[in-house]
Every structure is written in C-alpha cells, then in structure tokens.
Amino acid sequence: MLAATSSPDPSPAPPSSHPSPAVGAVVVDRASMQFPDQLAVDAISLVVPAGSILGVIGPSGAGKTTTIRLLTGALVPTAGTITVLGEEPGAFRRQTRERIGYMPQSFTLFPDLTVRENVDFVGSLFGMLFRSRARRTREVLELLDLWSVRGRRAGRLSGGMQRRLELACALVHDPALLFLDEPTAGIDPLLRARVWAELHLLRDRGRTLIVTTQHLEEAESCDRVALIAAGRLIALATPEELRREAMGGDVVAVETAAAYDGDVLRSLPVVRAVRQDGPRALTVVVDDAGTATPDVVEAIQARSEVVSAREERPTFDEVFAILVQRSTEALVS
C-alpha cells in the first residue's frame, strides 16, 4: 500500500454543535447502541440531505445493519439522538411511517403468497387504491425482472429473486425515504445496474435513500459514502473525496524507458509520496494530477525518457482496505 507523507485523522471530529433536524432528512447526533456483550454503534454523527443517496459500507459485523435498525425505529439508541423526517424513529406517527420504505437484510416476505400478491399486499397496507396499486405492482415487478414469475409463490423463488421481490415491496408505495439493507445481494451485475439506475431516478425526483452494500464498487453510485468499522464512523465523504483521503491525493502511474530512482522526485513541492514499483515503474501521489503531472514528467525526463504517465483511480476495495487499516492502527496506537 502507498502511504502518503501525512495521513488524515481517521476519526471524524465530533460535531461542534447539535445538528438541526431542518438540515437533513436524517440527522444522527452521537448515537450509540450498547448491547450487553457489545458496543455495536459507537457515537456516530451524520446528516443525510433530502434528495441524496448515502451509501453505508463496512466489513461484516461493522454495525451497518444495527445503524439501519436505529434509523427505522426497530432499536432505540442507548445514547445520542436520531431524527428521521423531523421525528424520533421510536415515536413515528403513522403518516411518517407511510413515507418510509424499508428493505431488510433477511427474508421477510409471505412465502405462501405469489410474487404479485406480496407486492399488492404491501401496497394495500399503505392505503394504495386498487387501480394505482395494480399499475405500480406491475411497474416494480417489470423493473426487477419479476413480472414473468408473478404467479410463483415467494417461498419457491431463488435467493436472488427473493431479494428482488423484497426490493419491489419497498418501492411499491413510492416512499419519500428508503432504507435498503444490501438491496443487490445475490443479484447479477446487469440487473444491479438497472436497480441503481432506478435508485438514481428516485433520487432525482427528490427521494432520499440510505443503502448498505458489500459490493464496494457501488459506492461510486452514491452521493456520499459512510464507512463504518467496529461500530465507528471512520469516514464520511463523496466517493472522490474518500479516494483522496485514502491515498493522500491524486495518484499518477509513471513508466520510464530506463531504470529511474523515484526518490529524486520527493523534493518536488507537488509530490506528496512516491512508491517504486519496479526499476522503470513509479506510483506518485500529487496534490492535483491535472496540474502536477507535467512537473513530474519534466523532472523525470532530466534523467530518463518517460514512456507513459497517467492518472490512476484506486478501486474502492483498495480505498476501503486503507481506511479500515488506518483506523485500526489509530485505535491500538
């Protein structure tokens, strides 16, 4: 891994003042969830603006699902406060609950009802009239490629189909706020792309979405990403900002025609870190690739010809690993 010359503090600073419910659809202020044998959520603070997608990523057991259960009112925080659509989740009014869609991680459908009956039933619980319910049921089943199996009992679906059916049930009443816990688990890549296209359309129509995922590349599809590890919020930023936080800046990969010692570049003001990947291969971290790359190339060409120099975007698997490792090291130091 390439370490920057200076690493940002992995722990988000506590809010200087209590956030106001008016500033976001969801406001979490130092919320914790202490179970008898585990601190599952540790003083998390964040604000989710209305009309945005927040992706929640983290290793298994990090506290993602517990956080979602706190936001939906299934759990009450042992410390701190949570406001969702202007109300505390544990005291939602019926009208507020009707504005929320929730897709849990575990299978919660009626196995003896058909695919269409499951979605239709959920729509009826939200007061949808027959005609609009029938139209919307077909829309969401077609979106998720389930219309052809609308007559099949839910209990006889494959695991991936069950996940898609649960997502259809969460979408049927067109909620203002959606909590989706691993919505694309077990779904093939092509259908995942269709699902995310629909989530973006919902966002563009003013809906707010909070999505947990283990497909780290899906973080690219979110407006902001919350990285949770060991119950702590260790990063909250846009996908591009997270990359820069992990790497310490922009990353430029350089190949030279002859062997070149990358240590020579460390004296350049625009260079933050250098890694020697081979006699003719360098990875250089700079403040801004667009403005710094010509300076780097010019410095190298004083001693060796540059074959190529290109900006590289680390994958979110790499970003995730760096930020989690950095947070773990900070905890034990």
Protein backbone atom coordinates (compact mmCIF):
# COMPACT_ATOMS: atom_id res chain seq x y z
CA MET A 1 0.00 0.00 0.00
CA LEU A 2 1.12 3.51 -0.75
CA ALA A 3 1.28 5.69 2.33
CA ALA A 4 1.02 9.43 1.98
CA THR A 5 3.50 11.61 3.76
CA SER A 6 0.76 12.80 6.09
CA SER A 7 -2.37 10.83 6.94
CA PRO A 8 -5.68 12.42 7.86
CA ASP A 9 -7.19 11.63 11.22
CA PRO A 10 -9.37 8.53 10.63
CA SER A 11 -11.84 9.53 13.32
CA PRO A 12 -14.42 12.13 12.32
CA ALA A 13 -14.39 15.14 14.59
CA PRO A 14 -17.40 15.39 16.91
CA PRO A 15 -19.95 17.98 15.83
CA SER A 16 -19.28 21.42 17.21
CA SER A 17 -22.98 21.86 17.84
CA HIS A 18 -26.07 19.70 17.77
CA PRO A 19 -27.25 19.38 14.16
CA SER A 20 -30.71 20.74 13.46
CA PRO A 21 -33.39 18.39 12.04
CA ALA A 22 -34.06 21.06 9.42
CA VAL A 23 -30.72 20.43 7.72
CA GLY A 24 -31.41 16.87 6.58
CA ALA A 25 -33.94 14.10 6.09
CA VAL A 26 -31.90 12.09 8.59
CA VAL A 27 -29.87 13.60 11.44
CA VAL A 28 -27.78 11.41 13.75
CA ASP A 29 -26.05 13.09 16.69
CA ARG A 30 -23.51 10.89 18.54
CA ALA A 31 -25.83 7.89 18.57
CA SER A 32 -24.64 4.68 20.24
CA MET A 33 -26.13 1.21 20.65
CA GLN A 34 -24.78 -0.80 23.56
CA PHE A 35 -25.83 -4.46 23.76
CA PRO A 36 -24.97 -6.49 26.90
CA ASP A 37 -21.93 -8.03 25.21
CA GLN A 38 -21.06 -5.50 22.52
CA LEU A 39 -20.92 -1.81 21.65
CA ALA A 40 -22.45 -2.20 18.17
CA VAL A 41 -22.64 1.51 17.28
CA ASP A 42 -20.22 3.97 18.82
CA ALA A 43 -21.14 7.69 18.86
CA ILE A 44 -21.99 8.05 15.17
CA SER A 45 -22.91 11.51 13.86
CA LEU A 46 -24.05 12.26 10.33
CA VAL A 47 -26.58 14.25 8.30
CA VAL A 48 -28.27 12.91 5.16
CA PRO A 49 -29.61 15.74 2.98
CA ALA A 50 -33.02 15.23 1.39
CA GLY A 51 -32.81 14.10 -2.22
CA SER A 52 -29.49 12.28 -1.89
CA ILE A 53 -28.10 8.75 -1.73
CA LEU A 54 -25.94 7.77 1.24
CA GLY A 55 -24.04 4.52 0.82
CA VAL A 56 -23.10 2.71 4.04
CA ILE A 57 -20.19 0.31 3.62
CA GLY A 58 -18.09 -1.70 6.04
CA PRO A 59 -16.93 -5.22 6.87
CA SER A 60 -19.34 -7.86 8.09
CA GLY A 61 -20.32 -7.14 11.70
CA ALA A 62 -19.25 -3.50 11.45
CA GLY A 63 -22.60 -2.15 12.64
CA LYS A 64 -24.28 -1.30 9.32
CA THR A 65 -27.50 -3.23 9.93
CA THR A 66 -27.70 -2.06 13.55
CA THR A 67 -27.43 1.53 12.31
CA ILE A 68 -30.30 0.96 9.87
CA ARG A 69 -32.41 -0.58 12.64
CA LEU A 70 -31.79 2.51 14.77
CA LEU A 71 -32.88 4.76 11.91
CA THR A 72 -36.09 2.81 11.31
CA GLY A 73 -37.05 2.73 14.99
CA ALA A 74 -36.57 -1.03 15.43
CA LEU A 75 -33.94 -0.17 18.07
CA VAL A 76 -33.67 2.80 20.43
CA PRO A 77 -30.17 4.25 20.86
CA THR A 78 -28.62 3.88 24.30
CA ALA A 79 -27.00 7.30 23.85
CA GLY A 80 -27.33 10.24 21.48
CA THR A 81 -30.27 11.29 19.33
CA ILE A 82 -31.70 10.41 15.91
CA THR A 83 -34.20 12.41 13.86
CA VAL A 84 -35.79 10.99 10.70
CA LEU A 85 -38.16 13.16 8.65
CA GLY A 86 -38.32 15.50 11.63
CA GLU A 87 -39.33 12.84 14.19
CA GLU A 88 -37.65 10.39 16.54
CA PRO A 89 -37.87 6.93 14.94
CA GLY A 90 -39.24 5.34 18.11
CA ALA A 91 -42.19 7.75 18.05
CA PHE A 92 -43.06 7.84 14.34
CA ARG A 93 -46.61 8.88 13.54
CA ARG A 94 -48.49 6.64 11.11
CA GLN A 95 -48.26 9.31 8.37
CA THR A 96 -44.49 9.39 8.77
CA ARG A 97 -44.12 5.61 8.59
CA GLU A 98 -46.13 5.64 5.36
CA ARG A 99 -43.45 7.90 3.83
CA ILE A 100 -40.72 5.33 4.54
CA GLY A 101 -39.73 2.22 2.62
CA TYR A 102 -37.57 -0.46 4.21
CA MET A 103 -35.87 -3.48 2.71
CA PRO A 104 -34.34 -5.61 5.50
CA GLN A 105 -31.36 -7.90 5.10
CA SER A 106 -33.26 -11.08 5.91
CA PHE A 107 -36.17 -12.66 4.01
CA THR A 108 -39.44 -11.22 5.38
CA LEU A 109 -41.99 -11.99 2.65
CA PHE A 110 -45.08 -14.19 2.84
CA PRO A 111 -43.83 -17.49 1.37
CA ASP A 112 -47.32 -18.82 0.54
CA LEU A 113 -48.36 -15.71 -1.40
CA THR A 114 -47.37 -15.24 -5.01
CA VAL A 115 -44.89 -12.64 -6.17
CA ARG A 116 -47.66 -10.28 -7.28
CA GLU A 117 -49.75 -10.91 -4.15
CA ASN A 118 -46.82 -10.00 -1.90
CA VAL A 119 -46.30 -6.65 -3.61
CA ASP A 120 -50.03 -5.96 -3.85
CA PHE A 121 -50.49 -6.73 -0.17
CA VAL A 122 -47.74 -4.33 0.88
CA GLY A 123 -49.26 -1.64 -1.33
CA SER A 124 -52.64 -2.16 0.36
CA LEU A 125 -51.03 -1.70 3.79
CA PHE A 126 -50.02 1.79 2.68
CA GLY A 127 -53.56 2.67 1.61
CA MET A 128 -52.99 2.45 -2.15
CA LEU A 129 -56.22 2.11 -4.14
CA PHE A 130 -56.76 -0.93 -6.35
CA ARG A 131 -56.04 0.62 -9.76
CA SER A 132 -52.92 2.53 -8.74
CA ARG A 133 -51.76 -0.48 -6.72
CA ALA A 134 -52.13 -2.81 -9.72
CA ARG A 135 -50.29 -0.37 -12.01
CA ARG A 136 -47.45 0.23 -9.57
CA THR A 137 -47.14 -3.50 -8.78
CA ARG A 138 -46.59 -4.24 -12.46
CA GLU A 139 -44.11 -1.37 -12.79
CA VAL A 140 -41.84 -2.53 -9.97
CA LEU A 141 -42.05 -6.21 -10.96
CA GLU A 142 -41.08 -5.38 -14.54
CA LEU A 143 -38.26 -3.15 -13.32
CA LEU A 144 -36.82 -6.01 -11.26
CA ASP A 145 -37.40 -8.66 -13.94
CA LEU A 146 -40.06 -10.49 -11.88
CA TRP A 147 -43.18 -9.98 -13.99
CA SER A 148 -42.72 -13.32 -15.75
CA VAL A 149 -42.83 -15.15 -12.37
CA ARG A 150 -45.63 -13.04 -10.83
CA GLY A 151 -47.72 -16.15 -10.22
CA ARG A 152 -44.99 -18.11 -8.43
CA ARG A 153 -45.10 -18.44 -4.65
CA ALA A 154 -42.44 -16.37 -2.90
CA GLY A 155 -41.18 -19.35 -0.91
CA ARG A 156 -40.26 -21.12 -4.17
CA LEU A 157 -38.10 -18.31 -5.53
CA SER A 158 -34.33 -18.42 -5.62
CA GLY A 159 -32.45 -16.30 -3.10
CA GLY A 160 -31.68 -13.63 -5.69
CA MET A 161 -35.33 -13.44 -6.77
CA GLN A 162 -36.43 -13.11 -3.16
CA ARG A 163 -34.10 -10.14 -2.72
CA ARG A 164 -35.58 -8.52 -5.82
CA LEU A 165 -39.10 -9.17 -4.56
CA GLU A 166 -38.28 -7.55 -1.22
CA LEU A 167 -36.97 -4.52 -3.08
CA ALA A 168 -40.20 -4.38 -5.11
CA CYS A 169 -42.20 -4.35 -1.87
CA ALA A 170 -40.07 -1.50 -0.52
CA LEU A 171 -40.60 0.54 -3.71
CA VAL A 172 -44.29 -0.10 -4.41
CA HIS A 173 -45.72 2.85 -2.41
CA ASP A 174 -43.13 5.32 -3.78
CA PRO A 175 -41.79 6.39 -0.36
CA ALA A 176 -40.02 9.68 0.35
CA LEU A 177 -37.26 7.90 2.29
CA LEU A 178 -35.85 4.47 1.53
CA PHE A 179 -33.71 2.27 3.79
CA LEU A 180 -32.22 -0.54 1.71
CA ASP A 181 -30.10 -3.12 3.53
CA GLU A 182 -27.97 -5.00 0.96
CA PRO A 183 -30.52 -4.50 -1.86
CA THR A 184 -28.34 -6.02 -4.59
CA ALA A 185 -27.04 -9.06 -2.67
CA GLY A 186 -27.37 -12.13 -4.88
CA ILE A 187 -28.32 -10.10 -7.97
CA ASP A 188 -26.34 -10.39 -11.22
CA PRO A 189 -24.28 -7.37 -12.37
CA LEU A 190 -26.60 -6.39 -15.24
CA LEU A 191 -29.64 -6.27 -13.01
CA ARG A 192 -27.64 -4.43 -10.33
CA ALA A 193 -27.02 -1.70 -12.90
CA ARG A 194 -30.77 -1.48 -13.61
CA VAL A 195 -31.56 -1.29 -9.91
CA TRP A 196 -29.07 1.54 -9.41
CA ALA A 197 -30.47 3.38 -12.44
CA GLU A 198 -33.88 3.29 -10.76
CA LEU A 199 -32.42 4.44 -7.44
CA HIS A 200 -30.86 7.41 -9.23
CA LEU A 201 -34.22 8.26 -10.80
CA LEU A 202 -35.79 8.19 -7.34
CA ARG A 203 -33.03 10.47 -6.04
CA ASP A 204 -33.54 12.85 -8.95
CA ARG A 205 -37.26 13.03 -8.07
CA GLY A 206 -36.35 14.19 -4.55
CA ARG A 207 -36.34 10.87 -2.73
CA THR A 208 -33.74 10.17 -0.04
CA LEU A 209 -32.01 6.77 0.04
CA ILE A 210 -29.75 5.10 2.58
CA VAL A 211 -28.20 1.96 1.12
CA THR A 212 -25.92 -0.57 2.77
CA THR A 213 -23.82 -2.69 0.43
CA GLN A 214 -20.97 -5.18 0.38
CA HIS A 215 -20.38 -4.50 -3.31
CA LEU A 216 -17.79 -1.81 -2.68
CA GLU A 217 -17.80 -0.63 -6.30
CA GLU A 218 -21.39 0.51 -5.71
CA ALA A 219 -20.04 3.29 -3.55
CA GLU A 220 -19.36 5.08 -6.85
CA SER A 221 -23.13 5.28 -7.38
CA CYS A 222 -23.74 7.17 -4.12
CA ASP A 223 -23.62 10.90 -3.48
CA ARG A 224 -21.77 10.32 -0.22
CA VAL A 225 -20.34 7.25 1.46
CA ALA A 226 -20.24 6.43 5.18
CA LEU A 227 -17.55 3.90 6.06
CA ILE A 228 -18.26 2.06 9.31
CA ALA A 229 -15.84 -0.29 11.07
CA ALA A 230 -16.14 -1.73 14.59
CA GLY A 231 -19.26 0.39 15.12
CA ARG A 232 -17.43 3.65 14.43
CA LEU A 233 -17.89 6.08 11.56
CA ILE A 234 -14.35 6.32 10.23
CA ALA A 235 -15.05 8.28 7.04
CA LEU A 236 -17.93 10.25 5.51
CA ALA A 237 -17.41 11.95 2.16
CA THR A 238 -18.09 11.81 -1.56
CA PRO A 239 -16.53 8.84 -3.38
CA GLU A 240 -13.81 11.05 -4.89
CA GLU A 241 -13.02 12.67 -1.54
CA LEU A 242 -12.68 9.22 0.03
CA ARG A 243 -10.15 8.26 -2.63
CA ARG A 244 -8.09 11.36 -1.94
CA GLU A 245 -8.35 10.78 1.83
CA ALA A 246 -7.12 7.19 1.47
CA MET A 247 -4.31 7.90 -0.97
CA GLY A 248 -3.32 11.34 0.30
CA GLY A 249 -4.07 13.00 -3.06
CA ASP A 250 -4.26 12.04 -6.75
CA VAL A 251 -2.30 9.01 -7.98
CA VAL A 252 -0.12 9.10 -11.12
CA ALA A 253 1.43 5.94 -12.57
CA VAL A 254 4.68 6.56 -14.47
CA GLU A 255 6.68 4.22 -16.72
CA THR A 256 10.20 5.20 -17.78
CA ALA A 257 12.36 3.93 -20.66
CA ALA A 258 15.30 3.20 -18.36
CA ALA A 259 15.74 2.49 -14.67
CA TYR A 260 14.88 5.52 -12.56
CA ASP A 261 15.21 6.21 -8.83
CA GLY A 262 11.89 7.65 -7.65
CA ASP A 263 13.47 9.18 -4.54
CA VAL A 264 14.62 12.05 -6.76
CA LEU A 265 11.00 13.21 -7.05
CA ARG A 266 10.50 13.63 -3.31
CA SER A 267 11.98 17.12 -3.44
CA LEU A 268 9.29 18.38 -5.82
CA PRO A 269 6.75 20.58 -3.96
CA VAL A 270 3.82 18.98 -5.86
CA VAL A 271 4.79 15.43 -4.81
CA ARG A 272 3.35 14.02 -1.59
CA ALA A 273 4.57 10.40 -1.79
CA VAL A 274 6.44 8.05 -4.14
CA ARG A 275 6.44 4.28 -4.45
CA GLN A 276 8.99 2.39 -6.54
CA ASP A 277 7.01 -0.43 -8.22
CA GLY A 278 9.95 -1.59 -10.33
CA PRO A 279 13.16 -0.25 -11.92
CA ARG A 280 11.09 1.58 -14.55
CA ALA A 281 7.74 1.91 -12.76
CA LEU A 282 6.68 4.54 -10.22
CA THR A 283 3.49 5.44 -8.41
CA VAL A 284 3.45 9.11 -7.45
CA VAL A 285 0.91 10.85 -5.18
CA VAL A 286 0.37 14.51 -6.01
CA ASP A 287 -1.98 17.25 -4.88
CA ASP A 288 -3.69 17.55 -8.25
CA ALA A 289 -2.93 15.23 -11.16
CA GLY A 290 -4.03 17.72 -13.80
CA THR A 291 -1.54 20.40 -12.80
CA ALA A 292 1.22 18.28 -11.23
CA THR A 293 1.76 15.59 -13.90
CA PRO A 294 3.66 17.90 -16.33
CA ASP A 295 6.04 18.89 -13.50
CA VAL A 296 6.63 15.24 -12.59
CA VAL A 297 7.26 14.28 -16.23
CA GLU A 298 9.65 17.20 -16.71
CA ALA A 299 11.64 16.24 -13.60
CA ILE A 300 11.97 12.61 -14.70
CA GLN A 301 12.96 13.47 -18.28
CA ALA A 302 16.01 15.28 -16.98
CA ARG A 303 17.42 11.76 -16.40
CA SER A 304 15.24 9.28 -18.31
CA GLU A 305 12.63 9.24 -21.06
CA VAL A 306 9.01 8.91 -19.87
CA VAL A 307 7.12 6.19 -21.74
CA SER A 308 3.76 6.95 -20.11
CA ALA A 309 2.24 8.95 -17.27
CA ARG A 310 -1.42 8.52 -16.42
CA GLU A 311 -3.72 9.23 -13.51
CA GLU A 312 -4.96 6.11 -11.74
CA ARG A 313 -8.15 5.77 -9.73
CA PRO A 314 -7.77 3.19 -6.95
CA THR A 315 -10.66 0.78 -6.60
CA PHE A 316 -12.96 1.08 -3.63
CA ASP A 317 -11.63 -2.24 -2.38
CA GLU A 318 -8.24 -0.53 -2.06
CA VAL A 319 -9.72 2.64 -0.55
CA PHE A 320 -11.75 0.58 1.91
CA ALA A 321 -8.74 -1.51 2.96
CA ILE A 322 -6.51 1.54 3.50
CA LEU A 323 -9.04 3.49 5.56
CA VAL A 324 -10.00 0.49 7.72
CA GLN A 325 -6.35 -0.39 8.35
CA ARG A 326 -5.56 3.22 9.22
CA SER A 327 -8.48 3.37 11.67
CA THR A 328 -7.44 0.06 13.28
CA GLU A 329 -3.85 1.27 13.71
CA ALA A 330 -5.09 4.51 15.28
CA LEU A 331 -7.17 2.57 17.82
CA VAL A 332 -4.26 0.43 19.00
CA SER A 333 -1.64 3.18 19.00
